Amino acid sequence: MPSNLYWIDVRHEGLHAYRRVSGRDEYVVKQKADALVAAWNEKWSKIQERKSAIQSKEENKEEAARKTQEAFALLDNIKNTLAYALSRNALLDWESLKDRSSFPSPKPGAPPQQNHPLEPSAFAPKYQPTLDIWDRLFRSRRQKKLDAGRLAFQQDHAAWKQACTRVDQVNATAEADFQKHVSSWQVEKTAFEASQEATNEAIEKHRFAYLTKESEAIVDYCDLVLANSEYPDTFPKSCRLDLNSDTRLLLIDYSLPNIDALPRLKEVKYSVSRDEFTETYLQDSALEKIYDMLLYNIMFRSIHEIFQADAVDAIDAVVFNGWVKAIDKTCGQETNGCILSIQVNKAEFAAINLAQIDPRACFKKLKGVGSSKLAALVPVRPILQLDMKDERFVPSHDVASSLDDSVNLAAMDWEDFEHLIREVFEKEFNTDGAEVKITRASRDGGVDAVAFDPDPLRGGKIVIQAKRYTNTVGVSAVRDLYGTVMNEGANKGILVTTADYGPDAYEFAKDKPLTLLSGSNLLHLLEKHGHRARIDLKQAKQILHMD
């Protein structure tokens, strides 16, 4: 099974819509993203057309009624989030994932052939002279007229040959162009069919791997099941999954929508006398009530879809952690907090009549963890978090205790430097119960250490890279870190160096979940935890050059 995850962020400014399309097959991801862009463009085009079509007051009244009806439908869909899932089968149809479309471009048609002009005949009347009595009496006079007719025919015949040559050239050029177009079309068609076949074969391999209960295939399958569940375009619709094959427990870290993603419009009225629209919006209390129910319904709906689609009976229980990204009004920074968490087994869940439940009451009965008002976004500790096992992790050893003012960090052994970084961050995160692990030494620019922070607001997986550099760190290293953060599915990345960063590196890191710590920052961090050392880049360059 492929391990790389591909994604494309799709945005539409007019609709204020955003969605991340992801998957393990790059071609399938691109096709889905293109289809989503086309659908959004069509939707936006219809909106623009409606705007330009409203010309009269009567049309404005109809427009107000239509907007009210649309607003009601949007809110009704939100309220029926769980009911909608109960009316459909979440079981994945593998055949529907395959591409059975025909090559969209028709085969080029043969060009029309130009015909030769009619060949002139020497016996045509125009070339036969009209002889009078004098022509019959005087031979030279008769011969002159005969010669004139013969010359006219020869000239016309020569012009006819030239015209035939031009027609042949035009037809030959058209035929050559036609053959080029056919050849190009055939190449494109062959490439399309090869790509289509490769995609379908990959889907069939995924299907076989799932049916044979390969852990990674089961996770991919469940991810597809949740991805196929339809939600409004303003919802994030993304999640991370992990399966414990021994306990048959599936962990879902699910990105829930922020309350700002919900429609607030309740009614639109049009005043003919004032020629203006008036919009009525839901009060905050009503919106928060709808929001709370929505989050419970998304949770129950997701668990229902996973259990219903479990065709190979690979899952006995599900842990659902619902995460919400929001702006902390106290500091203006974006936070990502887990606001509800629940664990439920399949047999227990099967006994629940989802069509009749009070979602909040059912959540409490199942011992779910969450605030009484989810809209308050009060973070909670997840019942279970993503597995921290990683074959790359190796035993660590103590380095910081041997530090003093004589130790030049920039000249330290690079493996010792990585262990030092792990040690200092372990102390930094220790107060919150975080765990920091160092990875197997590879010097490949990958992950040097990983921190698992259980803090419900700040928490998650943090990738740490250590760069024992003597020169300024450029933007390429920061780009590599950001790519690693994405590939690892981490919440944040930290880059630590003994040197400093160029302005392009700081510019790239801005507005991204990245922290850049320079040599001076590192010394300050060490001193904070009771260790002293120094950084002398000039001396380090000399020492490393000698080595």
Protein backbone atom coordinates (compact mmCIF):
# COMPACT_ATOMS: atom_id res chain seq x y z
CA MET A 1 0.00 0.00 0.00
CA PRO A 2 1.32 3.49 -0.74
CA SER A 3 2.29 5.48 2.34
CA ASN A 4 2.33 8.98 0.87
CA LEU A 5 -0.71 11.14 1.42
CA TYR A 6 -1.57 13.63 -1.33
CA TRP A 7 -3.80 16.62 -0.83
CA ILE A 8 -5.03 19.71 -2.65
CA ASP A 9 -6.53 22.73 -0.90
CA VAL A 10 -9.51 24.01 -2.90
CA ARG A 11 -10.90 27.48 -2.23
CA HIS A 12 -13.60 29.61 -3.82
CA GLU A 13 -13.55 33.24 -2.73
CA GLY A 14 -17.03 34.02 -4.04
CA LEU A 15 -18.69 31.14 -2.17
CA HIS A 16 -16.34 31.49 0.84
CA ALA A 17 -15.86 27.75 0.51
CA TYR A 18 -12.79 25.70 1.43
CA ARG A 19 -12.06 22.01 1.41
CA ARG A 20 -8.95 19.87 1.55
CA VAL A 21 -9.17 16.97 -0.89
CA SER A 22 -6.85 14.17 0.18
CA GLY A 23 -6.05 10.57 -0.57
CA ARG A 24 -3.28 8.13 -1.31
CA ASP A 25 -3.63 8.23 -5.10
CA GLU A 26 -2.41 11.49 -6.65
CA TYR A 27 -4.47 11.08 -9.83
CA VAL A 28 -7.71 10.39 -7.95
CA VAL A 29 -7.07 13.39 -5.67
CA LYS A 30 -6.55 15.67 -8.68
CA GLN A 31 -9.70 14.38 -10.38
CA LYS A 32 -11.74 14.99 -7.22
CA ALA A 33 -10.28 18.48 -6.82
CA ASP A 34 -11.02 19.36 -10.46
CA ALA A 35 -14.58 18.08 -10.10
CA LEU A 36 -15.06 20.13 -6.93
CA VAL A 37 -13.72 23.29 -8.61
CA ALA A 38 -16.07 22.74 -11.57
CA ALA A 39 -19.05 22.23 -9.25
CA TRP A 40 -18.27 25.36 -7.25
CA ASN A 41 -17.71 27.41 -10.41
CA GLU A 42 -21.07 26.23 -11.75
CA LYS A 43 -22.75 27.10 -8.46
CA TRP A 44 -21.13 30.57 -8.44
CA SER A 45 -22.09 31.12 -12.06
CA LYS A 46 -25.74 30.40 -11.24
CA ILE A 47 -25.59 32.84 -8.34
CA GLN A 48 -24.19 35.55 -10.61
CA GLU A 49 -26.81 34.82 -13.22
CA ARG A 50 -29.57 35.17 -10.65
CA LYS A 51 -28.21 38.52 -9.51
CA SER A 52 -28.16 39.93 -13.00
CA ALA A 53 -31.65 38.56 -13.66
CA ILE A 54 -33.33 40.51 -10.85
CA GLN A 55 -34.67 43.59 -12.59
CA SER A 56 -38.10 44.36 -11.27
CA LYS A 57 -39.66 44.78 -7.84
CA GLU A 58 -41.80 41.74 -8.42
CA GLU A 59 -38.67 39.75 -9.10
CA ASN A 60 -37.17 41.18 -5.89
CA LYS A 61 -40.14 39.85 -3.90
CA GLU A 62 -39.61 36.45 -5.45
CA GLU A 63 -35.90 36.70 -4.72
CA ALA A 64 -36.59 37.45 -1.05
CA ALA A 65 -38.91 34.44 -0.84
CA ARG A 66 -36.33 32.25 -2.56
CA LYS A 67 -33.55 33.37 -0.19
CA THR A 68 -35.80 32.70 2.80
CA GLN A 69 -36.56 29.25 1.46
CA GLU A 70 -32.85 28.59 0.86
CA ALA A 71 -31.98 29.79 4.37
CA PHE A 72 -34.65 27.50 5.83
CA ALA A 73 -33.35 24.58 3.74
CA LEU A 74 -29.76 25.18 4.90
CA LEU A 75 -30.77 25.25 8.56
CA ASP A 76 -33.03 22.24 8.05
CA ASN A 77 -30.14 20.29 6.50
CA ILE A 78 -27.95 21.19 9.49
CA LYS A 79 -30.61 19.97 11.90
CA ASN A 80 -31.01 16.73 9.93
CA THR A 81 -27.32 15.91 9.78
CA LEU A 82 -27.79 12.59 11.58
CA ALA A 83 -31.13 11.72 9.97
CA TYR A 84 -29.58 12.10 6.51
CA ALA A 85 -26.92 9.49 7.32
CA LEU A 86 -29.56 7.04 8.52
CA SER A 87 -31.29 7.23 5.13
CA ARG A 88 -28.25 6.12 3.12
CA ASN A 89 -25.84 3.20 3.09
CA ALA A 90 -22.27 4.17 3.97
CA LEU A 91 -20.84 0.91 2.60
CA LEU A 92 -18.16 1.81 0.08
CA ASP A 93 -18.86 0.85 -3.52
CA TRP A 94 -15.43 0.09 -4.95
CA GLU A 95 -16.68 0.05 -8.54
CA SER A 96 -17.99 3.60 -8.20
CA LEU A 97 -14.45 4.74 -7.39
CA LYS A 98 -13.13 3.43 -10.68
CA ASP A 99 -12.92 5.59 -13.76
CA ARG A 100 -15.08 4.13 -16.52
CA SER A 101 -15.32 7.28 -18.60
CA SER A 102 -14.49 7.39 -22.31
CA PHE A 103 -11.73 9.52 -23.70
CA PRO A 104 -13.38 12.95 -23.91
CA SER A 105 -11.87 14.13 -27.21
CA PRO A 106 -13.46 12.73 -30.40
CA LYS A 107 -11.24 11.33 -33.10
CA PRO A 108 -10.36 14.03 -35.66
CA GLY A 109 -12.41 13.79 -38.86
CA ALA A 110 -10.78 13.50 -42.26
CA PRO A 111 -10.53 16.87 -44.06
CA PRO A 112 -12.62 17.38 -47.25
CA GLN A 113 -10.65 16.84 -50.45
CA GLN A 114 -10.60 19.56 -53.09
CA ASN A 115 -11.39 18.33 -56.61
CA HIS A 116 -9.47 19.11 -59.79
CA PRO A 117 -11.06 21.67 -62.07
CA LEU A 118 -12.59 20.37 -65.32
CA GLU A 119 -9.92 19.72 -67.96
CA PRO A 120 -10.40 21.94 -71.06
CA SER A 121 -11.12 20.12 -74.35
CA ALA A 122 -9.40 21.11 -77.61
CA PHE A 123 -12.69 20.52 -79.36
CA ALA A 124 -14.59 23.00 -77.23
CA PRO A 125 -16.36 25.69 -79.33
CA LYS A 126 -14.30 28.47 -77.72
CA TYR A 127 -11.16 27.09 -79.38
CA GLN A 128 -12.79 26.55 -82.85
CA PRO A 129 -12.54 29.67 -85.06
CA THR A 130 -15.51 30.96 -87.02
CA LEU A 131 -14.42 31.10 -90.68
CA ASP A 132 -15.98 33.44 -93.19
CA ILE A 133 -15.74 33.46 -97.00
CA TRP A 134 -12.49 35.36 -96.98
CA ASP A 135 -10.91 32.79 -94.64
CA ARG A 136 -11.82 30.09 -97.13
CA LEU A 137 -10.33 32.09 -100.02
CA PHE A 138 -7.12 33.09 -98.23
CA ARG A 139 -5.24 30.22 -96.55
CA SER A 140 -2.95 32.44 -94.45
CA ARG A 141 -5.93 34.24 -92.98
CA ARG A 142 -7.58 30.89 -92.11
CA GLN A 143 -4.34 29.52 -90.60
CA LYS A 144 -3.96 32.56 -88.37
CA LYS A 145 -7.37 32.00 -86.80
CA LEU A 146 -6.67 28.28 -86.36
CA ASP A 147 -3.33 29.04 -84.67
CA ALA A 148 -5.03 31.55 -82.33
CA GLY A 149 -7.56 28.92 -81.20
CA ARG A 150 -4.84 26.34 -80.69
CA LEU A 151 -2.75 28.82 -78.60
CA ALA A 152 -5.73 29.71 -76.41
CA PHE A 153 -6.31 26.02 -75.72
CA GLN A 154 -2.63 25.44 -74.88
CA GLN A 155 -2.63 28.37 -72.44
CA ASP A 156 -5.85 27.22 -70.73
CA HIS A 157 -4.56 23.65 -70.53
CA ALA A 158 -1.31 24.82 -68.95
CA ALA A 159 -3.29 26.89 -66.41
CA TRP A 160 -5.43 23.81 -65.69
CA LYS A 161 -2.33 21.74 -64.96
CA GLN A 162 -1.07 24.42 -62.56
CA ALA A 163 -4.45 24.51 -60.83
CA CYS A 164 -4.39 20.71 -60.49
CA THR A 165 -0.91 20.90 -58.96
CA ARG A 166 -2.11 23.50 -56.41
CA VAL A 167 -5.11 21.33 -55.50
CA ASP A 168 -2.83 18.32 -55.05
CA GLN A 169 -0.55 20.35 -52.77
CA VAL A 170 -3.48 21.63 -50.67
CA ASN A 171 -4.88 18.10 -50.34
CA ALA A 172 -1.46 16.69 -49.43
CA THR A 173 -0.92 19.36 -46.75
CA ALA A 174 -4.39 18.79 -45.31
CA GLU A 175 -3.81 15.03 -45.25
CA ALA A 176 -0.44 15.47 -43.51
CA ASP A 177 -2.01 17.75 -40.89
CA PHE A 178 -4.84 15.28 -40.44
CA GLN A 179 -2.43 12.41 -39.86
CA LYS A 180 -0.53 14.52 -37.29
CA HIS A 181 -3.78 15.29 -35.47
CA VAL A 182 -4.78 11.62 -35.53
CA SER A 183 -1.36 10.59 -34.24
CA SER A 184 -1.47 13.20 -31.46
CA TRP A 185 -5.03 12.19 -30.56
CA GLN A 186 -4.00 8.54 -30.42
CA VAL A 187 -1.08 9.35 -28.10
CA GLU A 188 -3.37 11.32 -25.77
CA LYS A 189 -6.01 8.59 -25.85
CA THR A 190 -3.43 5.90 -25.07
CA ALA A 191 -2.05 7.96 -22.17
CA PHE A 192 -5.56 8.58 -20.85
CA GLU A 193 -6.45 4.89 -20.99
CA ALA A 194 -3.14 3.87 -19.40
CA SER A 195 -3.68 6.33 -16.55
CA GLN A 196 -7.26 5.16 -16.19
CA GLU A 197 -6.17 1.54 -16.09
CA ALA A 198 -3.45 2.30 -13.53
CA THR A 199 -5.97 4.14 -11.34
CA ASN A 200 -8.46 1.30 -11.53
CA GLU A 201 -5.75 -1.27 -10.79
CA ALA A 202 -4.67 0.76 -7.74
CA ILE A 203 -8.28 0.85 -6.51
CA GLU A 204 -8.55 -2.90 -7.02
CA LYS A 205 -5.34 -3.40 -5.02
CA HIS A 206 -6.78 -1.22 -2.24
CA ARG A 207 -9.93 -3.34 -2.33
CA PHE A 208 -7.99 -6.62 -2.10
CA ALA A 209 -5.85 -5.26 0.75
CA TYR A 210 -9.01 -4.22 2.59
CA LEU A 211 -10.71 -7.59 2.09
CA THR A 212 -7.59 -9.29 3.48
CA LYS A 213 -7.79 -6.96 6.50
CA GLU A 214 -4.46 -5.18 6.10
CA SER A 215 -4.38 -2.54 8.84
CA GLU A 216 -3.31 0.30 6.59
CA ALA A 217 -5.97 -0.63 4.04
CA ILE A 218 -8.67 -0.63 6.71
CA VAL A 219 -7.61 2.85 7.81
CA ASP A 220 -7.65 4.05 4.19
CA TYR A 221 -11.09 2.50 3.69
CA CYS A 222 -12.52 4.20 6.79
CA ASP A 223 -11.00 7.49 5.67
CA LEU A 224 -12.77 7.12 2.31
CA VAL A 225 -16.06 6.30 4.05
CA LEU A 226 -15.91 9.51 6.09
CA ALA A 227 -14.72 11.50 3.07
CA ASN A 228 -17.76 10.31 1.08
CA SER A 229 -20.11 11.67 3.73
CA GLU A 230 -21.63 14.88 2.37
CA TYR A 231 -21.47 18.09 4.41
CA PRO A 232 -21.75 21.81 3.55
CA ASP A 233 -18.76 23.24 1.70
CA THR A 234 -17.92 25.49 4.66
CA PHE A 235 -17.19 22.47 6.90
CA PRO A 236 -13.53 21.35 7.13
CA LYS A 237 -14.33 17.66 6.57
CA SER A 238 -10.91 16.27 7.47
CA CYS A 239 -9.74 13.68 9.97
CA ARG A 240 -6.84 11.49 11.05
CA LEU A 241 -7.34 7.80 11.75
CA ASP A 242 -5.37 5.12 13.55
CA LEU A 243 -6.21 1.43 14.06
CA ASN A 244 -4.98 -0.83 16.83
CA SER A 245 -5.06 -4.24 15.13
CA ASP A 246 -4.79 -6.10 18.44
CA THR A 247 -7.76 -4.43 20.13
CA ARG A 248 -9.60 -3.72 16.83
CA LEU A 249 -10.14 -0.15 18.03
CA LEU A 250 -10.31 2.69 15.51
CA LEU A 251 -9.27 6.14 16.71
CA ILE A 252 -10.74 9.13 14.87
CA ASP A 253 -9.35 12.62 15.34
CA TYR A 254 -12.04 14.63 13.52
CA SER A 255 -11.95 18.32 12.56
CA LEU A 256 -15.36 19.70 13.48
CA PRO A 257 -16.69 22.94 11.97
CA ASN A 258 -16.35 26.22 13.81
CA ILE A 259 -19.62 27.94 14.67
CA ASP A 260 -18.75 30.56 12.03
CA ALA A 261 -19.27 27.87 9.37
CA LEU A 262 -22.99 27.70 10.18
CA PRO A 263 -25.55 29.77 8.25
CA ARG A 264 -27.03 32.56 10.40
CA LEU A 265 -29.59 33.89 7.92
CA LYS A 266 -33.17 33.18 9.01
CA GLU A 267 -35.42 35.25 6.72
CA VAL A 268 -35.25 37.81 3.90
CA LYS A 269 -38.04 40.31 3.26
CA TYR A 270 -38.43 42.83 0.45
CA SER A 271 -40.09 46.20 0.97
CA VAL A 272 -41.70 47.45 -2.22
CA SER A 273 -42.19 50.97 -0.86
CA ARG A 274 -38.57 51.34 0.23
CA ASP A 275 -37.22 49.13 -2.55
CA GLU A 276 -34.85 47.37 -0.16
CA PHE A 277 -34.16 43.95 1.33
CA THR A 278 -34.23 43.28 5.06
CA GLU A 279 -32.45 40.26 6.50
CA THR A 280 -33.22 38.59 9.83
CA TYR A 281 -30.55 36.48 11.52
CA LEU A 282 -30.60 33.82 14.22
CA GLN A 283 -29.86 35.03 17.71
CA ASP A 284 -26.62 33.84 19.27
CA SER A 285 -28.41 31.60 21.76
CA ALA A 286 -30.40 29.87 19.01
CA LEU A 287 -27.31 29.45 16.84
CA GLU A 288 -25.32 27.98 19.73
CA LYS A 289 -28.08 25.46 20.41
CA ILE A 290 -28.08 24.39 16.75
CA TYR A 291 -24.27 24.23 16.81
CA ASP A 292 -24.19 21.97 19.87
CA MET A 293 -26.67 19.54 18.29
CA LEU A 294 -24.72 19.62 15.03
CA LEU A 295 -21.48 18.52 16.71
CA TYR A 296 -23.20 15.66 18.54
CA ASN A 297 -24.88 14.62 15.28
CA ILE A 298 -21.61 14.69 13.32
CA MET A 299 -20.03 12.50 15.99
CA PHE A 300 -22.86 9.94 16.01
CA ARG A 301 -23.13 10.05 12.23
CA SER A 302 -19.41 9.36 11.77
CA ILE A 303 -19.45 6.44 14.21
CA HIS A 304 -22.59 5.06 12.53
CA GLU A 305 -20.99 5.28 9.08
CA ILE A 306 -17.81 3.53 10.24
CA PHE A 307 -19.67 0.62 11.85
CA GLN A 308 -22.16 0.32 8.97
CA ALA A 309 -19.42 0.29 6.34
CA ASP A 310 -17.29 -2.29 8.21
CA ALA A 311 -17.78 -4.98 5.56
CA VAL A 312 -14.96 -7.22 6.83
CA ASP A 313 -15.80 -6.89 10.54
CA ALA A 314 -12.41 -5.39 11.37
CA ILE A 315 -13.54 -2.85 13.98
CA ASP A 316 -14.93 -3.62 17.43
CA ALA A 317 -14.83 -0.12 18.91
CA VAL A 318 -14.37 3.53 17.97
CA VAL A 319 -12.88 6.46 19.84
CA PHE A 320 -14.04 9.77 18.38
CA ASN A 321 -12.15 12.95 19.32
CA GLY A 322 -13.77 16.11 17.97
CA TRP A 323 -11.37 19.01 17.40
CA VAL A 324 -12.31 22.61 16.58
CA LYS A 325 -10.04 25.35 15.25
CA ALA A 326 -10.97 28.78 16.54
CA ILE A 327 -9.49 32.16 17.36
CA ASP A 328 -8.75 32.64 21.04
CA LYS A 329 -10.30 36.06 21.70
CA THR A 330 -7.92 36.68 24.60
CA CYS A 331 -4.78 36.59 22.45
CA GLY A 332 -6.00 36.61 18.85
CA GLN A 333 -4.17 33.37 18.06
CA GLU A 334 -5.68 30.29 16.41
CA THR A 335 -6.13 27.31 18.71
CA ASN A 336 -7.07 23.71 17.97
CA GLY A 337 -8.83 22.11 20.91
CA CYS A 338 -10.52 18.77 21.50
CA ILE A 339 -13.99 19.68 22.80
CA LEU A 340 -15.64 16.25 22.87
CA SER A 341 -14.39 12.68 23.14
CA ILE A 342 -16.24 9.36 23.31
CA GLN A 343 -15.48 5.65 23.15
CA VAL A 344 -18.16 3.16 22.09
CA ASN A 345 -18.09 -0.50 21.02
CA LYS A 346 -20.00 -1.90 18.07
CA ALA A 347 -22.46 -4.05 20.02
CA GLU A 348 -23.32 -1.19 22.36
CA PHE A 349 -23.80 1.19 19.45
CA ALA A 350 -25.95 -1.28 17.50
CA ALA A 351 -28.46 -1.28 20.35
CA ILE A 352 -29.06 2.46 19.98
CA ASN A 353 -32.01 3.69 17.87
CA LEU A 354 -30.32 6.75 16.38
CA ALA A 355 -33.55 7.96 14.80
CA GLN A 356 -35.13 8.47 18.23
CA ILE A 357 -32.30 9.61 20.50
CA ASP A 358 -31.60 12.92 22.19
CA PRO A 359 -27.96 13.28 21.04
CA ARG A 360 -26.80 15.15 24.15
CA ALA A 361 -28.45 12.69 26.53
CA CYS A 362 -27.11 9.70 24.58
CA PHE A 363 -23.62 11.21 24.63
CA LYS A 364 -23.75 11.49 28.43
CA LYS A 365 -25.10 7.96 28.85
CA LEU A 366 -22.18 6.62 26.79
CA LYS A 367 -19.79 8.43 29.17
CA GLY A 368 -18.69 10.92 26.56
CA VAL A 369 -16.39 13.70 27.70
CA GLY A 370 -17.33 17.28 26.83
CA SER A 371 -18.61 20.59 28.16
CA SER A 372 -22.34 21.08 28.79
CA LYS A 373 -22.18 23.81 26.10
CA LEU A 374 -19.96 22.74 23.23
CA ALA A 375 -20.22 26.20 21.63
CA ALA A 376 -18.07 27.51 24.50
CA LEU A 377 -15.21 25.43 23.00
CA VAL A 378 -13.99 24.29 26.41
CA PRO A 379 -11.10 21.88 25.74
CA VAL A 380 -11.12 18.39 27.24
CA ARG A 381 -8.53 15.65 27.47
CA PRO A 382 -9.20 13.04 24.76
CA ILE A 383 -10.11 9.56 26.02
CA LEU A 384 -7.42 8.17 23.73
CA GLN A 385 -4.85 9.89 21.51
CA LEU A 386 -3.01 8.81 18.41
CA ASP A 387 -0.45 6.06 18.91
CA MET A 388 3.01 7.39 19.68
CA LYS A 389 4.76 4.20 18.58
CA ASP A 390 7.31 4.81 15.89
CA GLU A 391 10.03 2.39 14.77
CA ARG A 392 12.32 5.35 14.24
CA PHE A 393 12.50 6.09 17.98
CA VAL A 394 15.72 5.08 19.74
CA PRO A 395 16.87 5.19 23.37
CA SER A 396 18.14 8.59 24.46
CA HIS A 397 21.09 9.49 26.63
CA ASP A 398 21.88 12.44 28.87
CA VAL A 399 24.01 15.22 27.40
CA ALA A 400 23.00 18.39 29.22
CA SER A 401 24.64 17.39 32.52
CA SER A 402 28.07 17.50 30.89
CA LEU A 403 27.64 21.07 29.62
CA ASP A 404 29.57 24.06 30.93
CA ASP A 405 30.91 27.33 29.59
CA SER A 406 33.73 25.50 27.80
CA VAL A 407 31.41 23.49 25.54
CA ASN A 408 30.93 25.00 22.07
CA LEU A 409 27.55 23.72 20.87
CA ALA A 410 28.39 24.54 17.25
CA ALA A 411 31.30 22.09 17.34
CA MET A 412 29.48 19.34 19.29
CA ASP A 413 29.09 15.86 17.84
CA TRP A 414 25.93 16.02 15.73
CA GLU A 415 24.32 12.98 17.40
CA ASP A 416 25.02 14.42 20.85
CA PHE A 417 23.51 17.69 19.68
CA GLU A 418 20.27 15.92 18.67
CA HIS A 419 20.09 14.19 22.05
CA LEU A 420 20.68 17.54 23.76
CA ILE A 421 17.77 19.07 21.85
CA ARG A 422 15.52 16.18 22.89
CA GLU A 423 16.60 16.60 26.48
CA VAL A 424 16.01 20.33 26.68
CA PHE A 425 12.59 20.10 25.03
CA GLU A 426 11.64 17.24 27.31
CA LYS A 427 12.32 19.57 30.23
CA GLU A 428 10.46 22.39 28.50
CA PHE A 429 7.35 20.27 27.93
CA ASN A 430 7.64 18.16 31.07
CA THR A 431 5.38 20.37 33.19
CA ASP A 432 2.44 19.49 30.90
CA GLY A 433 3.15 15.75 30.82
CA ALA A 434 4.55 15.78 27.30
CA GLU A 435 6.85 13.08 26.01
CA VAL A 436 9.79 13.74 23.70
CA LYS A 437 11.44 10.95 21.73
CA ILE A 438 14.52 11.07 19.53
CA THR A 439 14.59 9.27 16.18
CA ARG A 440 17.23 6.98 14.75
CA ALA A 441 20.22 8.98 13.51
CA SER A 442 20.24 9.30 9.75
CA ARG A 443 21.60 12.76 8.89
CA ASP A 444 18.97 12.92 6.15
CA GLY A 445 17.29 16.15 7.23
CA GLY A 446 14.18 14.32 8.42
CA VAL A 447 12.71 14.15 11.91
CA ASP A 448 15.26 14.40 14.73
CA ALA A 449 12.81 14.35 17.63
CA VAL A 450 9.05 14.14 18.16
CA ALA A 451 7.12 15.64 21.07
CA PHE A 452 3.69 14.38 22.06
CA ASP A 453 1.96 17.13 24.00
CA PRO A 454 -1.31 16.10 25.72
CA ASP A 455 -2.33 19.71 26.38
CA PRO A 456 -5.89 19.99 24.96
CA LEU A 457 -5.28 23.47 23.52
CA ARG A 458 -1.69 23.34 22.42
CA GLY A 459 -1.39 19.59 22.25
CA GLY A 460 -0.69 17.08 19.56
CA LYS A 461 2.36 15.92 17.68
CA ILE A 462 5.29 18.33 17.38
CA VAL A 463 8.16 17.65 14.98
CA ILE A 464 11.59 18.93 16.07
CA GLN A 465 14.61 19.26 13.80
CA ALA A 466 18.10 20.08 15.08
CA LYS A 467 20.61 21.82 12.80
CA ARG A 468 24.15 22.10 14.16
CA TYR A 469 25.11 24.73 11.60
CA THR A 470 27.89 27.28 11.43
CA ASN A 471 26.35 29.23 8.56
CA THR A 472 23.05 31.08 8.23
CA VAL A 473 20.12 28.72 7.76
CA GLY A 474 18.34 29.39 4.47
CA VAL A 475 14.71 29.08 3.49
CA SER A 476 15.17 25.57 2.03
CA ALA A 477 15.64 24.05 5.49
CA VAL A 478 12.45 25.77 6.69
CA ARG A 479 10.56 24.53 3.64
CA ASP A 480 11.79 21.01 4.39
CA LEU A 481 10.53 21.31 7.96
CA TYR A 482 7.10 22.46 6.78
CA GLY A 483 6.91 19.52 4.37
CA THR A 484 7.87 17.16 7.19
CA VAL A 485 5.14 18.63 9.42
CA MET A 486 2.59 17.98 6.68
CA ASN A 487 3.85 14.45 5.94
CA GLU A 488 3.96 13.52 9.63
CA GLY A 489 0.47 14.91 10.25
CA ALA A 490 1.94 17.04 13.04
CA ASN A 491 0.39 20.10 14.66
CA LYS A 492 3.61 22.10 14.72
CA GLY A 493 7.27 22.10 13.69
CA ILE A 494 10.27 23.48 15.58
CA LEU A 495 13.67 24.11 13.96
CA VAL A 496 16.64 24.62 16.28
CA THR A 497 20.05 25.75 15.07
CA THR A 498 23.33 26.90 16.54
CA ALA A 499 23.48 29.70 13.95
CA ASP A 500 20.73 32.07 12.78
CA TYR A 501 18.17 32.32 9.98
CA GLY A 502 18.05 34.49 6.89
CA PRO A 503 15.16 36.93 6.32
CA ASP A 504 13.67 34.63 3.67
CA ALA A 505 13.48 31.83 6.25
CA TYR A 506 11.59 34.01 8.73
CA GLU A 507 9.30 35.26 5.96
CA PHE A 508 8.40 31.72 4.89
CA ALA A 509 7.69 30.61 8.48
CA LYS A 510 5.32 33.51 9.06
CA ASP A 511 1.65 32.46 9.38
CA LYS A 512 2.65 28.77 9.45
CA PRO A 513 2.75 26.38 12.42
CA LEU A 514 6.54 26.73 12.57
CA THR A 515 8.89 28.03 15.27
CA LEU A 516 12.49 29.00 14.46
CA LEU A 517 14.97 28.99 17.36
CA SER A 518 18.37 30.56 16.70
CA GLY A 519 21.59 29.90 18.60
CA SER A 520 20.87 32.69 21.10
CA ASN A 521 17.36 31.26 21.68
CA LEU A 522 18.89 27.84 22.35
CA LEU A 523 21.37 29.23 24.89
CA HIS A 524 18.52 31.03 26.66
CA LEU A 525 16.46 27.82 26.73
CA LEU A 526 19.38 25.87 28.20
CA GLU A 527 19.97 28.53 30.82
CA LYS A 528 16.27 28.46 31.71
CA HIS A 529 16.69 24.79 32.67
CA GLY A 530 19.97 25.25 34.55
CA HIS A 531 22.57 24.53 31.89
CA ARG A 532 25.27 26.77 30.48
CA ALA A 533 27.20 26.49 27.24
CA ARG A 534 28.49 28.76 24.50
CA ILE A 535 28.32 29.08 20.71
CA ASP A 536 31.44 30.18 18.81
CA LEU A 537 30.77 29.77 15.09
CA LYS A 538 34.24 30.89 14.00
CA GLN A 539 35.96 28.36 16.25
CA ALA A 540 33.50 25.66 15.21
CA LYS A 541 34.26 26.24 11.53
CA GLN A 542 37.97 25.76 12.21
CA ILE A 543 37.40 22.60 14.28
CA LEU A 544 34.97 21.04 11.81
CA HIS A 545 37.26 21.92 8.89
CA MET A 546 40.15 20.13 10.63
CA ASP A 547 37.95 17.08 11.13
